[in-house]
Amino acid sequence: MKTPIELTEYQFSGKNNPLYQISDHPVNKLVRVIEINRAEFMFDIDIISIKSTTHFIDPVLKIVVFSQPTMVEQKPWDIVKGDQTIEIDDDIQPVPNPDFNDELPVSPANYPYMLTDSYEQFKRLSIQLNKPLLDLFIDSNDQKALFD
């Protein structure tokens, strides 16, 4: 369940970091919001590390009860080779699985969307989306002889 809240009503880091509301906590029922603090692209060692904070909110009192570093399965949030995720096309849309059978239970072998390597996809999309901006910064810095 995801209790609807208005994220602008809450004070987080104040740095305009990306915010994502996820499902409510399964035990304490607090609303959870992930605030992305940093993404480290370590293409040389095939790791993309996401540093973020999970904020736990009481939707009745409208306060952040506590915050903690975001963990995935009790480990730091790293996107590595071998993890699977839904395949996304160049238009940022999920790619349907042509072999999906909606009369069978959903499983890794029978999933509505194609699955792909999480790291390779995140790397591809990150480069695709950020390259035009990086090109501008690199060209600008090169014209100013900042690389000399």
C-alpha atoms as a PDB file:
ATOM      1  CA  MET A   1       0.000   0.000   0.000  1.00  0.00           C
ATOM      2  CA  LYS A   2       1.118   3.544  -0.686  1.00  0.00           C
ATOM      3  CA  THR A   3      -0.596   6.213   1.409  1.00  0.00           C
ATOM      4  CA  PRO A   4      -1.013   9.345  -0.726  1.00  0.00           C
ATOM      5  CA  ILE A   5       0.906  12.338   0.623  1.00  0.00           C
ATOM      6  CA  GLU A   6       2.056  15.652  -0.801  1.00  0.00           C
ATOM      7  CA  LEU A   7       5.865  15.570  -0.742  1.00  0.00           C
ATOM      8  CA  THR A   8       6.105  19.371  -0.807  1.00  0.00           C
ATOM      9  CA  GLU A   9       4.592  19.482   2.703  1.00  0.00           C
ATOM     10  CA  TYR A  10       7.696  17.893   4.237  1.00  0.00           C
ATOM     11  CA  GLN A  11      11.193  19.147   4.958  1.00  0.00           C
ATOM     12  CA  PHE A  12      13.944  16.869   3.705  1.00  0.00           C
ATOM     13  CA  SER A  13      17.542  17.888   2.954  1.00  0.00           C
ATOM     14  CA  GLY A  14      16.509  21.200   1.378  1.00  0.00           C
ATOM     15  CA  LYS A  15      18.785  20.494  -1.589  1.00  0.00           C
ATOM     16  CA  ASN A  16      16.054  19.721  -4.143  1.00  0.00           C
ATOM     17  CA  ASN A  17      17.286  16.137  -4.424  1.00  0.00           C
ATOM     18  CA  PRO A  18      15.081  13.669  -6.305  1.00  0.00           C
ATOM     19  CA  LEU A  19      12.351  12.200  -4.086  1.00  0.00           C
ATOM     20  CA  TYR A  20      10.469   8.941  -4.635  1.00  0.00           C
ATOM     21  CA  GLN A  21       7.640   7.676  -2.512  1.00  0.00           C
ATOM     22  CA  ILE A  22       7.664   3.886  -2.225  1.00  0.00           C
ATOM     23  CA  SER A  23       5.241   1.512  -0.505  1.00  0.00           C
ATOM     24  CA  ASP A  24       4.429   2.073   3.158  1.00  0.00           C
ATOM     25  CA  HIS A  25       6.566   0.117   5.618  1.00  0.00           C
ATOM     26  CA  PRO A  26       5.015  -3.361   5.955  1.00  0.00           C
ATOM     27  CA  VAL A  27       5.270  -3.455   9.774  1.00  0.00           C
ATOM     28  CA  ASN A  28       5.014   0.069  11.215  1.00  0.00           C
ATOM     29  CA  LYS A  29       2.855   1.378   8.291  1.00  0.00           C
ATOM     30  CA  LEU A  30       4.842   4.613   8.053  1.00  0.00           C
ATOM     31  CA  VAL A  31       5.053   6.278   4.665  1.00  0.00           C
ATOM     32  CA  ARG A  32       8.495   5.844   3.093  1.00  0.00           C
ATOM     33  CA  VAL A  33      10.204   8.384   0.860  1.00  0.00           C
ATOM     34  CA  ILE A  34      13.596   7.813  -0.725  1.00  0.00           C
ATOM     35  CA  GLU A  35      15.751  10.896  -1.252  1.00  0.00           C
ATOM     36  CA  ILE A  36      18.593  10.385  -3.733  1.00  0.00           C
ATOM     37  CA  ASN A  37      21.766  12.040  -2.470  1.00  0.00           C
ATOM     38  CA  ARG A  38      24.337  10.748  -4.942  1.00  0.00           C
ATOM     39  CA  ALA A  39      24.885   8.260  -7.728  1.00  0.00           C
ATOM     40  CA  GLU A  40      28.424   7.024  -8.280  1.00  0.00           C
ATOM     41  CA  PHE A  41      29.103   5.636 -11.740  1.00  0.00           C
ATOM     42  CA  MET A  42      32.100   3.322 -11.474  1.00  0.00           C
ATOM     43  CA  PHE A  43      32.109   1.964 -15.018  1.00  0.00           C
ATOM     44  CA  ASP A  44      35.672   0.705 -14.608  1.00  0.00           C
ATOM     45  CA  ILE A  45      34.541  -1.809 -11.954  1.00  0.00           C
ATOM     46  CA  ASP A  46      30.950  -2.358 -13.169  1.00  0.00           C
ATOM     47  CA  ILE A  47      29.178  -0.812 -10.169  1.00  0.00           C
ATOM     48  CA  ILE A  48      26.682   2.018  -9.936  1.00  0.00           C
ATOM     49  CA  SER A  49      26.261   2.955  -6.284  1.00  0.00           C
ATOM     50  CA  ILE A  50      23.203   4.896  -5.164  1.00  0.00           C
ATOM     51  CA  LYS A  51      23.571   6.817  -1.916  1.00  0.00           C
ATOM     52  CA  SER A  52      20.195   7.819  -0.564  1.00  0.00           C
ATOM     53  CA  THR A  53      18.169   8.361   2.580  1.00  0.00           C
ATOM     54  CA  THR A  54      14.859   6.725   3.404  1.00  0.00           C
ATOM     55  CA  HIS A  55      12.569   9.046   5.356  1.00  0.00           C
ATOM     56  CA  PHE A  56       9.756   7.513   7.436  1.00  0.00           C
ATOM     57  CA  ILE A  57       6.714   9.759   7.715  1.00  0.00           C
ATOM     58  CA  ASP A  58       3.673   9.698   9.967  1.00  0.00           C
ATOM     59  CA  PRO A  59       0.925  10.772   7.539  1.00  0.00           C
ATOM     60  CA  VAL A  60      -1.513  11.660  10.353  1.00  0.00           C
ATOM     61  CA  LEU A  61       0.879  13.936  12.265  1.00  0.00           C
ATOM     62  CA  LYS A  62       2.536  14.993   8.994  1.00  0.00           C
ATOM     63  CA  ILE A  63       6.055  14.703  10.399  1.00  0.00           C
ATOM     64  CA  VAL A  64       9.209  12.839   9.456  1.00  0.00           C
ATOM     65  CA  VAL A  65       9.557  10.360  12.329  1.00  0.00           C
ATOM     66  CA  PHE A  66      13.069   9.209  11.426  1.00  0.00           C
ATOM     67  CA  SER A  67      15.466   8.830   8.515  1.00  0.00           C
ATOM     68  CA  GLN A  68      18.166   6.289   7.705  1.00  0.00           C
ATOM     69  CA  PRO A  69      20.486   5.343   4.836  1.00  0.00           C
ATOM     70  CA  THR A  70      18.591   3.388   2.184  1.00  0.00           C
ATOM     71  CA  MET A  71      19.529  -0.282   2.112  1.00  0.00           C
ATOM     72  CA  VAL A  72      18.552  -3.010  -0.357  1.00  0.00           C
ATOM     73  CA  GLU A  73      18.265  -6.407   1.313  1.00  0.00           C
ATOM     74  CA  GLN A  74      20.251  -5.001   4.273  1.00  0.00           C
ATOM     75  CA  LYS A  75      23.172  -4.010   2.013  1.00  0.00           C
ATOM     76  CA  PRO A  76      24.279  -0.758   0.347  1.00  0.00           C
ATOM     77  CA  TRP A  77      22.270   0.036  -2.763  1.00  0.00           C
ATOM     78  CA  ASP A  78      24.587  -0.997  -5.576  1.00  0.00           C
ATOM     79  CA  ILE A  79      23.544  -1.799  -9.120  1.00  0.00           C
ATOM     80  CA  VAL A  80      25.811  -4.617 -10.267  1.00  0.00           C
ATOM     81  CA  LYS A  81      26.058  -7.060 -13.145  1.00  0.00           C
ATOM     82  CA  GLY A  82      23.847 -10.085 -12.748  1.00  0.00           C
ATOM     83  CA  ASP A  83      20.872  -8.367 -11.122  1.00  0.00           C
ATOM     84  CA  GLN A  84      17.754  -8.411 -13.282  1.00  0.00           C
ATOM     85  CA  THR A  85      15.253  -5.635 -13.944  1.00  0.00           C
ATOM     86  CA  ILE A  86      12.495  -4.831 -16.424  1.00  0.00           C
ATOM     87  CA  GLU A  87      13.969  -3.938 -19.806  1.00  0.00           C
ATOM     88  CA  ILE A  88      13.357  -0.317 -20.819  1.00  0.00           C
ATOM     89  CA  ASP A  89      13.471   0.852 -24.434  1.00  0.00           C
ATOM     90  CA  ASP A  90      15.017   4.086 -25.715  1.00  0.00           C
ATOM     91  CA  ASP A  91      11.729   5.892 -25.055  1.00  0.00           C
ATOM     92  CA  ILE A  92      11.912   4.838 -21.374  1.00  0.00           C
ATOM     93  CA  GLN A  93       9.025   2.375 -21.762  1.00  0.00           C
ATOM     94  CA  PRO A  94       8.940  -1.232 -20.512  1.00  0.00           C
ATOM     95  CA  VAL A  95       9.473  -3.799 -23.261  1.00  0.00           C
ATOM     96  CA  PRO A  96       6.596  -6.322 -23.336  1.00  0.00           C
ATOM     97  CA  ASN A  97       7.475 -10.009 -23.237  1.00  0.00           C
ATOM     98  CA  PRO A  98       5.986 -11.570 -26.382  1.00  0.00           C
ATOM     99  CA  ASP A  99       6.016 -14.999 -24.686  1.00  0.00           C
ATOM    100  CA  PHE A 100       4.057 -13.875 -21.596  1.00  0.00           C
ATOM    101  CA  ASN A 101       1.011 -16.020 -20.917  1.00  0.00           C
ATOM    102  CA  ASP A 102      -1.533 -14.190 -18.737  1.00  0.00           C
ATOM    103  CA  GLU A 103      -3.307 -17.487 -18.030  1.00  0.00           C
ATOM    104  CA  LEU A 104      -0.253 -18.750 -16.099  1.00  0.00           C
ATOM    105  CA  PRO A 105       1.053 -17.413 -12.785  1.00  0.00           C
ATOM    106  CA  VAL A 106       3.595 -14.607 -13.032  1.00  0.00           C
ATOM    107  CA  SER A 107       7.103 -15.967 -12.422  1.00  0.00           C
ATOM    108  CA  PRO A 108      10.645 -15.232 -13.607  1.00  0.00           C
ATOM    109  CA  ALA A 109       9.973 -17.585 -16.535  1.00  0.00           C
ATOM    110  CA  ASN A 110       6.543 -16.047 -17.260  1.00  0.00           C
ATOM    111  CA  TYR A 111       6.836 -12.309 -16.718  1.00  0.00           C
ATOM    112  CA  PRO A 112       4.825  -9.605 -18.556  1.00  0.00           C
ATOM    113  CA  TYR A 113       7.958  -7.645 -19.490  1.00  0.00           C
ATOM    114  CA  MET A 114      11.353  -8.603 -20.808  1.00  0.00           C
ATOM    115  CA  LEU A 115      14.051  -8.783 -18.145  1.00  0.00           C
ATOM    116  CA  THR A 116      17.612  -7.596 -18.625  1.00  0.00           C
ATOM    117  CA  ASP A 117      20.816  -6.999 -16.674  1.00  0.00           C
ATOM    118  CA  SER A 118      20.233  -4.078 -14.283  1.00  0.00           C
ATOM    119  CA  TYR A 119      23.762  -2.691 -14.471  1.00  0.00           C
ATOM    120  CA  GLU A 120      24.008  -2.751 -18.285  1.00  0.00           C
ATOM    121  CA  GLN A 121      20.603  -1.115 -18.675  1.00  0.00           C
ATOM    122  CA  PHE A 122      21.208   1.596 -16.075  1.00  0.00           C
ATOM    123  CA  LYS A 123      24.611   2.327 -17.625  1.00  0.00           C
ATOM    124  CA  ARG A 124      23.154   2.507 -21.158  1.00  0.00           C
ATOM    125  CA  LEU A 125      20.288   4.784 -20.154  1.00  0.00           C
ATOM    126  CA  SER A 126      22.494   6.989 -17.962  1.00  0.00           C
ATOM    127  CA  ILE A 127      24.937   7.554 -20.778  1.00  0.00           C
ATOM    128  CA  GLN A 128      22.146   8.073 -23.314  1.00  0.00           C
ATOM    129  CA  LEU A 129      20.395  10.663 -21.139  1.00  0.00           C
ATOM    130  CA  ASN A 130      23.509  12.448 -19.832  1.00  0.00           C
ATOM    131  CA  LYS A 131      25.818  12.417 -22.853  1.00  0.00           C
ATOM    132  CA  PRO A 132      24.439  15.589 -24.495  1.00  0.00           C
ATOM    133  CA  LEU A 133      24.958  17.531 -21.262  1.00  0.00           C
ATOM    134  CA  LEU A 134      28.401  16.022 -20.696  1.00  0.00           C
ATOM    135  CA  ASP A 135      29.366  16.889 -24.284  1.00  0.00           C
ATOM    136  CA  LEU A 136      28.496  20.542 -23.625  1.00  0.00           C
ATOM    137  CA  PHE A 137      30.500  20.681 -20.381  1.00  0.00           C
ATOM    138  CA  ILE A 138      33.492  18.896 -21.881  1.00  0.00           C
ATOM    139  CA  ASP A 139      33.515  21.106 -24.995  1.00  0.00           C
ATOM    140  CA  SER A 140      33.159  24.246 -22.875  1.00  0.00           C
ATOM    141  CA  ASN A 141      35.995  23.213 -20.557  1.00  0.00           C
ATOM    142  CA  ASP A 142      38.167  22.222 -23.517  1.00  0.00           C
ATOM    143  CA  GLN A 143      37.605  25.610 -25.175  1.00  0.00           C
ATOM    144  CA  LYS A 144      38.710  27.259 -21.942  1.00  0.00           C
ATOM    145  CA  ALA A 145      41.865  25.037 -21.947  1.00  0.00           C
ATOM    146  CA  LEU A 146      40.873  23.619 -18.564  1.00  0.00           C
ATOM    147  CA  PHE A 147      42.180  20.179 -19.497  1.00  0.00           C
ATOM    148  CA  ASP A 148      45.668  21.549 -20.344  1.00  0.00           C
END
